Amino acid sequence: MTEKPVIWVGSSRERLRAFPVDARRDAGHQLHVVQLGLPPSDWRPMPSVGAGVVELRVHAAGEHRVVYVAKFAEALYVLHAFEKKTRQTREADLDLARRNLAAVLQQRRAR
C-alpha cells in the first residue's frame, strides 16, 4: 500500500503537538491509517466545512478533533486540530478549517 504524504495546513501541526501524549499518539495512529487509504476508527463527515472534509474523533485525555481532507490523490491535508470542550463544535474552529480548506483549494488551482 502506498502512503499519502501529510500536508499540515496553517497551525494544524503545532496544535496537534499541543495535545496530551495519549491523544497525540492516537491521532497520529489514526492519521497513518488514513494515509494508507483506510478509514479511521471514529470519524464523521464535515460537509459544513467542505466536500470530502472529515472530523477524526480522538477520545484520549479528553476530547480532541483533527479535521482533514484526504480525497485528493497527492496528499492528506490536515486542516485543523483542536480540543473539544463542548458538545457542539465552536464556530471559530469551523471557520478556521474552512479558511484552511480554501487555501488548499486555491493552491491546487494555481498549479
N, C-alpha and C. Protein backbone atom coordinates (compact mmCIF):
# COMPACT_ATOMS: atom_id res chain seq x y z
N MET A 1 0.83 -1.19 0.00
CA MET A 1 0.00 0.00 0.00
C MET A 1 0.87 1.25 0.00
N THR A 2 0.51 2.21 -0.80
CA THR A 2 1.26 3.46 -0.87
C THR A 2 0.69 4.45 0.15
N GLU A 3 1.58 5.08 0.90
CA GLU A 3 1.16 6.10 1.86
C GLU A 3 1.06 7.45 1.19
N LYS A 4 -0.03 8.14 1.46
CA LYS A 4 -0.14 9.53 1.02
C LYS A 4 0.69 10.38 1.96
N PRO A 5 1.39 11.37 1.44
CA PRO A 5 2.08 12.29 2.35
C PRO A 5 1.06 13.16 3.09
N VAL A 6 1.44 13.62 4.26
CA VAL A 6 0.60 14.52 5.05
C VAL A 6 1.09 15.94 4.83
N ILE A 7 0.16 16.83 4.53
CA ILE A 7 0.49 18.26 4.43
C ILE A 7 -0.29 18.96 5.54
N TRP A 8 0.45 19.60 6.40
CA TRP A 8 -0.13 20.32 7.54
C TRP A 8 -0.44 21.74 7.09
N VAL A 9 -1.67 22.16 7.23
CA VAL A 9 -2.11 23.48 6.77
C VAL A 9 -2.20 24.41 7.98
N GLY A 10 -1.68 25.61 7.79
CA GLY A 10 -1.73 26.61 8.87
C GLY A 10 -1.01 26.11 10.11
N SER A 11 -1.66 26.24 11.25
CA SER A 11 -1.05 25.87 12.53
C SER A 11 -1.47 24.47 12.99
N SER A 12 -2.00 23.66 12.08
CA SER A 12 -2.55 22.36 12.48
C SER A 12 -1.51 21.45 13.14
N ARG A 13 -0.29 21.44 12.63
CA ARG A 13 0.74 20.57 13.22
C ARG A 13 1.09 21.01 14.64
N GLU A 14 1.26 22.29 14.86
CA GLU A 14 1.57 22.79 16.20
C GLU A 14 0.41 22.53 17.16
N ARG A 15 -0.80 22.67 16.66
CA ARG A 15 -1.97 22.43 17.51
C ARG A 15 -2.05 20.96 17.91
N LEU A 16 -1.78 20.06 16.97
CA LEU A 16 -1.81 18.64 17.30
C LEU A 16 -0.68 18.30 18.26
N ARG A 17 0.48 18.90 18.10
CA ARG A 17 1.60 18.66 19.01
C ARG A 17 1.29 19.12 20.43
N ALA A 18 0.34 20.02 20.59
CA ALA A 18 -0.05 20.51 21.91
C ALA A 18 -1.03 19.56 22.62
N PHE A 19 -1.53 18.54 21.92
CA PHE A 19 -2.42 17.56 22.54
C PHE A 19 -1.65 16.81 23.63
N PRO A 20 -2.35 16.31 24.65
CA PRO A 20 -1.69 15.41 25.62
C PRO A 20 -1.12 14.19 24.89
N VAL A 21 -0.14 13.56 25.48
CA VAL A 21 0.60 12.49 24.82
C VAL A 21 -0.30 11.37 24.29
N ASP A 22 -1.27 10.91 25.07
CA ASP A 22 -2.16 9.82 24.63
C ASP A 22 -3.01 10.24 23.43
N ALA A 23 -3.52 11.46 23.47
CA ALA A 23 -4.33 11.97 22.36
C ALA A 23 -3.48 12.15 21.11
N ARG A 24 -2.27 12.64 21.29
CA ARG A 24 -1.35 12.83 20.17
C ARG A 24 -1.01 11.49 19.52
N ARG A 25 -0.74 10.49 20.35
CA ARG A 25 -0.40 9.15 19.85
C ARG A 25 -1.57 8.56 19.07
N ASP A 26 -2.77 8.65 19.62
CA ASP A 26 -3.95 8.10 18.95
C ASP A 26 -4.23 8.84 17.64
N ALA A 27 -4.14 10.16 17.67
CA ALA A 27 -4.37 10.95 16.45
C ALA A 27 -3.35 10.59 15.38
N GLY A 28 -2.09 10.44 15.78
CA GLY A 28 -1.04 10.07 14.83
C GLY A 28 -1.30 8.71 14.22
N HIS A 29 -1.71 7.77 15.03
CA HIS A 29 -2.01 6.42 14.52
C HIS A 29 -3.17 6.48 13.53
N GLN A 30 -4.23 7.19 13.89
CA GLN A 30 -5.40 7.26 13.01
C GLN A 30 -5.07 7.98 11.70
N LEU A 31 -4.25 9.02 11.76
CA LEU A 31 -3.84 9.70 10.52
C LEU A 31 -3.01 8.76 9.65
N HIS A 32 -2.20 7.92 10.27
CA HIS A 32 -1.42 6.95 9.49
C HIS A 32 -2.35 5.96 8.79
N VAL A 33 -3.39 5.53 9.48
CA VAL A 33 -4.39 4.64 8.88
C VAL A 33 -5.00 5.31 7.64
N VAL A 34 -5.33 6.59 7.76
CA VAL A 34 -5.90 7.34 6.63
C VAL A 34 -4.88 7.46 5.50
N GLN A 35 -3.62 7.67 5.84
CA GLN A 35 -2.56 7.74 4.81
C GLN A 35 -2.52 6.46 3.98
N LEU A 36 -2.86 5.35 4.60
CA LEU A 36 -2.85 4.06 3.91
C LEU A 36 -4.11 3.83 3.09
N GLY A 37 -5.05 4.78 3.15
CA GLY A 37 -6.29 4.66 2.37
C GLY A 37 -7.41 3.96 3.09
N LEU A 38 -7.27 3.77 4.40
CA LEU A 38 -8.29 3.09 5.20
C LEU A 38 -9.05 4.11 6.05
N PRO A 39 -10.25 3.76 6.48
CA PRO A 39 -10.99 4.70 7.33
C PRO A 39 -10.48 4.66 8.77
N PRO A 40 -10.47 5.80 9.46
CA PRO A 40 -10.08 5.80 10.87
C PRO A 40 -11.16 5.13 11.71
N SER A 41 -10.85 4.85 12.96
CA SER A 41 -11.79 4.11 13.80
C SER A 41 -13.01 4.94 14.22
N ASP A 42 -12.88 6.24 14.39
CA ASP A 42 -14.01 7.08 14.79
C ASP A 42 -13.94 8.41 14.05
N TRP A 43 -14.91 8.65 13.20
CA TRP A 43 -14.90 9.84 12.35
C TRP A 43 -16.33 10.20 11.97
N ARG A 44 -16.45 11.41 11.43
CA ARG A 44 -17.72 11.82 10.83
C ARG A 44 -17.43 12.83 9.73
N PRO A 45 -18.27 12.83 8.70
CA PRO A 45 -18.08 13.81 7.63
C PRO A 45 -18.40 15.21 8.14
N MET A 46 -17.75 16.21 7.55
CA MET A 46 -17.98 17.60 7.94
C MET A 46 -18.36 18.43 6.72
N PRO A 47 -19.54 18.19 6.15
CA PRO A 47 -19.95 18.95 4.97
C PRO A 47 -20.09 20.44 5.25
N SER A 48 -20.24 20.81 6.53
CA SER A 48 -20.34 22.23 6.87
C SER A 48 -19.01 22.94 6.63
N VAL A 49 -17.91 22.19 6.58
CA VAL A 49 -16.59 22.77 6.28
C VAL A 49 -16.35 22.70 4.77
N GLY A 50 -16.66 21.55 4.17
CA GLY A 50 -16.46 21.40 2.73
C GLY A 50 -16.62 19.96 2.30
N ALA A 51 -16.77 19.75 1.01
CA ALA A 51 -16.94 18.41 0.45
C ALA A 51 -15.69 17.57 0.71
N GLY A 52 -15.90 16.38 1.24
CA GLY A 52 -14.79 15.47 1.49
C GLY A 52 -14.04 15.71 2.78
N VAL A 53 -14.46 16.71 3.56
CA VAL A 53 -13.77 17.01 4.82
C VAL A 53 -14.30 16.07 5.91
N VAL A 54 -13.37 15.57 6.72
CA VAL A 54 -13.68 14.58 7.76
C VAL A 54 -13.16 15.08 9.10
N GLU A 55 -13.93 14.79 10.14
CA GLU A 55 -13.50 15.07 11.51
C GLU A 55 -13.10 13.75 12.14
N LEU A 56 -11.85 13.63 12.53
CA LEU A 56 -11.33 12.47 13.24
C LEU A 56 -11.57 12.72 14.72
N ARG A 57 -12.21 11.78 15.39
CA ARG A 57 -12.52 11.93 16.81
C ARG A 57 -11.51 11.17 17.65
N VAL A 58 -10.89 11.86 18.58
CA VAL A 58 -9.89 11.25 19.46
C VAL A 58 -10.43 11.34 20.88
N HIS A 59 -10.61 10.18 21.51
CA HIS A 59 -11.17 10.11 22.87
C HIS A 59 -10.09 9.69 23.85
N ALA A 60 -9.03 10.45 23.94
CA ALA A 60 -7.95 10.15 24.88
C ALA A 60 -7.58 11.44 25.58
N ALA A 61 -7.48 11.38 26.90
CA ALA A 61 -7.14 12.56 27.70
C ALA A 61 -8.08 13.72 27.37
N GLY A 62 -9.37 13.43 27.33
CA GLY A 62 -10.37 14.42 26.95
C GLY A 62 -10.84 14.17 25.53
N GLU A 63 -11.47 15.14 24.94
CA GLU A 63 -11.97 15.03 23.57
C GLU A 63 -11.16 15.94 22.66
N HIS A 64 -10.62 15.37 21.60
CA HIS A 64 -9.83 16.12 20.63
C HIS A 64 -10.32 15.80 19.24
N ARG A 65 -10.12 16.74 18.33
CA ARG A 65 -10.56 16.55 16.95
C ARG A 65 -9.45 16.97 15.99
N VAL A 66 -9.36 16.23 14.89
CA VAL A 66 -8.45 16.55 13.80
C VAL A 66 -9.31 16.61 12.54
N VAL A 67 -9.31 17.74 11.87
CA VAL A 67 -10.11 17.94 10.67
C VAL A 67 -9.18 17.84 9.47
N TYR A 68 -9.55 16.98 8.52
CA TYR A 68 -8.67 16.76 7.37
C TYR A 68 -9.48 16.49 6.11
N VAL A 69 -8.80 16.54 4.98
CA VAL A 69 -9.39 16.15 3.70
C VAL A 69 -8.38 15.22 3.03
N ALA A 70 -8.87 14.04 2.62
CA ALA A 70 -7.99 13.03 2.02
C ALA A 70 -8.45 12.62 0.63
N LYS A 71 -9.38 13.38 0.05
CA LYS A 71 -9.95 12.99 -1.24
C LYS A 71 -9.02 13.27 -2.43
N PHE A 72 -7.96 14.01 -2.22
CA PHE A 72 -7.05 14.34 -3.31
C PHE A 72 -5.96 13.27 -3.40
N ALA A 73 -5.59 12.92 -4.61
CA ALA A 73 -4.63 11.83 -4.82
C ALA A 73 -3.24 12.16 -4.28
N GLU A 74 -2.87 13.44 -4.30
CA GLU A 74 -1.48 13.79 -3.99
C GLU A 74 -1.16 13.81 -2.50
N ALA A 75 -2.15 14.02 -1.62
CA ALA A 75 -1.81 14.16 -0.20
C ALA A 75 -3.05 14.12 0.69
N LEU A 76 -2.77 13.95 1.96
CA LEU A 76 -3.75 14.09 3.04
C LEU A 76 -3.48 15.47 3.64
N TYR A 77 -4.46 16.35 3.60
CA TYR A 77 -4.30 17.71 4.13
C TYR A 77 -4.96 17.80 5.50
N VAL A 78 -4.16 18.10 6.53
CA VAL A 78 -4.70 18.31 7.87
C VAL A 78 -5.03 19.79 7.98
N LEU A 79 -6.32 20.09 8.16
CA LEU A 79 -6.80 21.47 8.13
C LEU A 79 -6.80 22.12 9.51
N HIS A 80 -7.06 21.34 10.56
CA HIS A 80 -7.17 21.92 11.89
C HIS A 80 -7.12 20.81 12.93
N ALA A 81 -6.66 21.12 14.12
CA ALA A 81 -6.66 20.20 15.26
C ALA A 81 -7.00 21.02 16.49
N PHE A 82 -7.90 20.49 17.32
CA PHE A 82 -8.33 21.25 18.49
C PHE A 82 -8.90 20.34 19.57
N GLU A 83 -8.94 20.88 20.79
CA GLU A 83 -9.59 20.19 21.89
C GLU A 83 -11.06 20.60 21.90
N LYS A 84 -11.92 19.63 22.06
CA LYS A 84 -13.35 19.92 22.08
C LYS A 84 -13.82 19.93 23.52
N LYS A 85 -14.38 21.07 23.93
CA LYS A 85 -14.78 21.22 25.32
C LYS A 85 -16.29 21.25 25.50
N THR A 86 -17.04 21.43 24.42
CA THR A 86 -18.49 21.45 24.49
C THR A 86 -19.05 20.45 23.50
N ARG A 87 -20.33 20.17 23.61
CA ARG A 87 -20.97 19.20 22.72
C ARG A 87 -20.93 19.65 21.26
N GLN A 88 -21.13 20.93 21.04
CA GLN A 88 -21.15 21.47 19.68
C GLN A 88 -19.78 22.07 19.34
N THR A 89 -19.36 21.85 18.10
CA THR A 89 -18.07 22.41 17.65
C THR A 89 -18.19 23.93 17.55
N ARG A 90 -17.20 24.61 18.10
CA ARG A 90 -17.22 26.07 18.08
C ARG A 90 -17.15 26.59 16.65
N GLU A 91 -17.85 27.66 16.39
CA GLU A 91 -17.87 28.27 15.06
C GLU A 91 -16.47 28.74 14.65
N ALA A 92 -15.68 29.19 15.62
CA ALA A 92 -14.31 29.63 15.32
C ALA A 92 -13.47 28.47 14.77
N ASP A 93 -13.67 27.27 15.30
CA ASP A 93 -12.94 26.10 14.80
C ASP A 93 -13.40 25.73 13.40
N LEU A 94 -14.69 25.81 13.15
CA LEU A 94 -15.22 25.54 11.81
C LEU A 94 -14.71 26.56 10.80
N ASP A 95 -14.69 27.83 11.21
CA ASP A 95 -14.22 28.90 10.31
C ASP A 95 -12.75 28.72 9.95
N LEU A 96 -11.93 28.36 10.94
CA LEU A 96 -10.51 28.14 10.66
C LEU A 96 -10.32 26.97 9.69
N ALA A 97 -11.06 25.89 9.89
CA ALA A 97 -10.97 24.74 8.98
C ALA A 97 -11.41 25.15 7.57
N ARG A 98 -12.47 25.96 7.47
CA ARG A 98 -12.94 26.43 6.15
C ARG A 98 -11.89 27.29 5.46
N ARG A 99 -11.28 28.21 6.20
CA ARG A 99 -10.23 29.07 5.62
C ARG A 99 -9.04 28.24 5.14
N ASN A 100 -8.65 27.26 5.93
CA ASN A 100 -7.53 26.41 5.54
C ASN A 100 -7.88 25.55 4.33
N LEU A 101 -9.10 25.08 4.24
CA LEU A 101 -9.53 24.34 3.06
C LEU A 101 -9.52 25.25 1.83
N ALA A 102 -9.99 26.47 1.98
CA ALA A 102 -9.97 27.42 0.86
C ALA A 102 -8.54 27.67 0.39
N ALA A 103 -7.59 27.75 1.33
CA ALA A 103 -6.19 27.94 0.95
C ALA A 103 -5.66 26.74 0.18
N VAL A 104 -6.04 25.54 0.60
CA VAL A 104 -5.62 24.31 -0.12
C VAL A 104 -6.19 24.32 -1.53
N LEU A 105 -7.47 24.62 -1.65
CA LEU A 105 -8.12 24.60 -2.96
C LEU A 105 -7.51 25.66 -3.88
N GLN A 106 -7.21 26.82 -3.35
CA GLN A 106 -6.59 27.88 -4.14
C GLN A 106 -5.19 27.46 -4.59
N GLN A 107 -4.44 26.86 -3.72
CA GLN A 107 -3.09 26.40 -4.05
C GLN A 107 -3.14 25.31 -5.13
N ARG A 108 -4.11 24.42 -5.02
CA ARG A 108 -4.23 23.35 -6.02
C ARG A 108 -4.61 23.91 -7.39
N ARG A 109 -5.45 24.94 -7.41
CA ARG A 109 -5.85 25.57 -8.69
C ARG A 109 -4.68 26.29 -9.36
N ALA A 110 -3.78 26.81 -8.52
CA ALA A 110 -2.65 27.59 -9.05
C ALA A 110 -1.59 26.69 -9.70
N ARG A 111 -1.65 25.42 -9.50
CA ARG A 111 -0.66 24.50 -10.07
C ARG A 111 -0.83 24.33 -11.55
